[in-house]
Amino acid sequence: MRILELRQIIRTEEGLYYRRKFSAEAAIETPVAVLELPIHFTIEMGPLGNKEFDIDFLKKPDYPLLPIQKALKKKIEELDKEGKLP
């Protein structure tokens, strides 16, 4: 399983400077099919500089959630490090 891409990434304004909220559409390749799921995710900066990622699925996938969440967190972290998030 792998994340093909995150499309239509839109940042939602948040009153807190250490929390960023986004909505996007994730294209996920599973052994069975390619899933396209609408998601909301949050990146929150902790007090020690660590980043915490929270992902909410607007439509539940027909695949176990843990591997999808793990792969999405890794992809979001990569995009954030590369500065590709709005």
C-alpha atoms as a PDB file:
ATOM      1  CA  MET A   1       0.000   0.000   0.000  1.00  0.00           C
ATOM      2  CA  ARG A   2       1.208   3.483  -0.823  1.00  0.00           C
ATOM      3  CA  ILE A   3      -0.048   7.044  -1.006  1.00  0.00           C
ATOM      4  CA  LEU A   4      -0.141   8.170  -4.630  1.00  0.00           C
ATOM      5  CA  GLU A   5      -0.876  11.831  -3.915  1.00  0.00           C
ATOM      6  CA  LEU A   6      -2.748  14.375  -1.849  1.00  0.00           C
ATOM      7  CA  ARG A   7      -4.917  16.600  -4.045  1.00  0.00           C
ATOM      8  CA  GLN A   8      -6.839  19.805  -3.455  1.00  0.00           C
ATOM      9  CA  ILE A   9      -5.043  20.652  -0.233  1.00  0.00           C
ATOM     10  CA  ILE A  10      -6.802  23.604   1.385  1.00  0.00           C
ATOM     11  CA  ARG A  11      -5.690  25.216   4.627  1.00  0.00           C
ATOM     12  CA  THR A  12      -8.401  26.235   7.076  1.00  0.00           C
ATOM     13  CA  GLU A  13      -7.691  29.323   9.147  1.00  0.00           C
ATOM     14  CA  GLU A  14      -7.077  28.537  12.781  1.00  0.00           C
ATOM     15  CA  GLY A  15      -6.827  31.053  15.617  1.00  0.00           C
ATOM     16  CA  LEU A  16      -3.888  29.237  17.204  1.00  0.00           C
ATOM     17  CA  TYR A  17      -0.456  29.810  15.673  1.00  0.00           C
ATOM     18  CA  TYR A  18       0.831  26.345  16.621  1.00  0.00           C
ATOM     19  CA  ARG A  19      -2.013  24.403  14.953  1.00  0.00           C
ATOM     20  CA  ARG A  20      -2.631  24.115  11.216  1.00  0.00           C
ATOM     21  CA  LYS A  21      -5.765  22.476   9.778  1.00  0.00           C
ATOM     22  CA  PHE A  22      -6.126  21.182   6.230  1.00  0.00           C
ATOM     23  CA  SER A  23      -8.605  19.367   4.046  1.00  0.00           C
ATOM     24  CA  ALA A  24      -7.550  17.250   1.071  1.00  0.00           C
ATOM     25  CA  GLU A  25      -8.351  14.273  -1.103  1.00  0.00           C
ATOM     26  CA  ALA A  26      -5.996  11.307  -0.748  1.00  0.00           C
ATOM     27  CA  ALA A  27      -5.347   8.831  -3.557  1.00  0.00           C
ATOM     28  CA  ILE A  28      -4.257   5.560  -1.941  1.00  0.00           C
ATOM     29  CA  GLU A  29      -3.135   2.443  -3.775  1.00  0.00           C
ATOM     30  CA  THR A  30      -4.053  -0.780  -1.973  1.00  0.00           C
ATOM     31  CA  PRO A  31      -3.482  -4.349  -3.163  1.00  0.00           C
ATOM     32  CA  VAL A  32      -7.151  -4.506  -4.182  1.00  0.00           C
ATOM     33  CA  ALA A  33      -7.868  -1.073  -5.717  1.00  0.00           C
ATOM     34  CA  VAL A  34      -7.064   2.630  -5.739  1.00  0.00           C
ATOM     35  CA  LEU A  35      -9.051   4.486  -3.074  1.00  0.00           C
ATOM     36  CA  GLU A  36      -9.851   8.183  -3.196  1.00  0.00           C
ATOM     37  CA  LEU A  37     -10.753   9.440   0.252  1.00  0.00           C
ATOM     38  CA  PRO A  38     -11.627  12.940   1.469  1.00  0.00           C
ATOM     39  CA  ILE A  39      -9.714  13.708   4.664  1.00  0.00           C
ATOM     40  CA  HIS A  40      -9.097  16.448   7.211  1.00  0.00           C
ATOM     41  CA  PHE A  41      -5.740  16.590   8.924  1.00  0.00           C
ATOM     42  CA  THR A  42      -4.138  18.724  11.596  1.00  0.00           C
ATOM     43  CA  ILE A  43      -0.485  19.446  12.279  1.00  0.00           C
ATOM     44  CA  GLU A  44       0.122  20.653  15.815  1.00  0.00           C
ATOM     45  CA  MET A  45       3.476  21.824  17.132  1.00  0.00           C
ATOM     46  CA  GLY A  46       4.181  20.549  20.636  1.00  0.00           C
ATOM     47  CA  PRO A  47       5.924  22.577  23.360  1.00  0.00           C
ATOM     48  CA  LEU A  48       9.250  20.818  22.698  1.00  0.00           C
ATOM     49  CA  GLY A  49       9.159  21.316  18.917  1.00  0.00           C
ATOM     50  CA  ASN A  50       7.704  17.923  18.072  1.00  0.00           C
ATOM     51  CA  LYS A  51       4.889  17.731  15.502  1.00  0.00           C
ATOM     52  CA  GLU A  52       1.727  15.736  16.083  1.00  0.00           C
ATOM     53  CA  PHE A  53      -0.451  14.656  13.172  1.00  0.00           C
ATOM     54  CA  ASP A  54      -4.165  13.915  13.442  1.00  0.00           C
ATOM     55  CA  ILE A  55      -6.132  12.529  10.488  1.00  0.00           C
ATOM     56  CA  ASP A  56      -9.924  12.288  10.158  1.00  0.00           C
ATOM     57  CA  PHE A  57     -11.544  10.339   7.340  1.00  0.00           C
ATOM     58  CA  LEU A  58     -14.776  11.818   5.984  1.00  0.00           C
ATOM     59  CA  LYS A  59     -15.534   8.512   4.263  1.00  0.00           C
ATOM     60  CA  LYS A  60     -14.444   5.255   5.876  1.00  0.00           C
ATOM     61  CA  PRO A  61     -12.232   3.132   3.584  1.00  0.00           C
ATOM     62  CA  ASP A  62     -12.781  -0.544   2.807  1.00  0.00           C
ATOM     63  CA  TYR A  63      -9.308  -1.264   4.114  1.00  0.00           C
ATOM     64  CA  PRO A  64      -7.771  -1.361   7.621  1.00  0.00           C
ATOM     65  CA  LEU A  65      -7.287   2.159   8.993  1.00  0.00           C
ATOM     66  CA  LEU A  66      -3.950   1.754  10.793  1.00  0.00           C
ATOM     67  CA  PRO A  67      -1.761   1.170   7.700  1.00  0.00           C
ATOM     68  CA  ILE A  68      -3.527   4.005   5.856  1.00  0.00           C
ATOM     69  CA  GLN A  69      -3.054   6.422   8.779  1.00  0.00           C
ATOM     70  CA  LYS A  70       0.605   5.487   9.135  1.00  0.00           C
ATOM     71  CA  ALA A  71       1.290   6.016   5.412  1.00  0.00           C
ATOM     72  CA  LEU A  72      -0.671   9.293   5.354  1.00  0.00           C
ATOM     73  CA  LYS A  73       1.225  10.673   8.361  1.00  0.00           C
ATOM     74  CA  LYS A  74       4.517   9.858   6.654  1.00  0.00           C
ATOM     75  CA  LYS A  75       3.394  11.532   3.398  1.00  0.00           C
ATOM     76  CA  ILE A  76       2.079  14.633   5.209  1.00  0.00           C
ATOM     77  CA  GLU A  77       5.328  14.901   7.170  1.00  0.00           C
ATOM     78  CA  GLU A  78       7.331  14.731   3.910  1.00  0.00           C
ATOM     79  CA  LEU A  79       5.180  17.438   2.297  1.00  0.00           C
ATOM     80  CA  ASP A  80       5.547  19.638   5.374  1.00  0.00           C
ATOM     81  CA  LYS A  81       9.356  19.252   5.444  1.00  0.00           C
ATOM     82  CA  GLU A  82       9.553  20.104   1.734  1.00  0.00           C
ATOM     83  CA  GLY A  83       7.344  23.175   2.250  1.00  0.00           C
ATOM     84  CA  LYS A  84       4.672  21.954  -0.174  1.00  0.00           C
ATOM     85  CA  LEU A  85       1.722  22.523   2.146  1.00  0.00           C
ATOM     86  CA  PRO A  86      -0.150  25.851   1.842  1.00  0.00           C
END
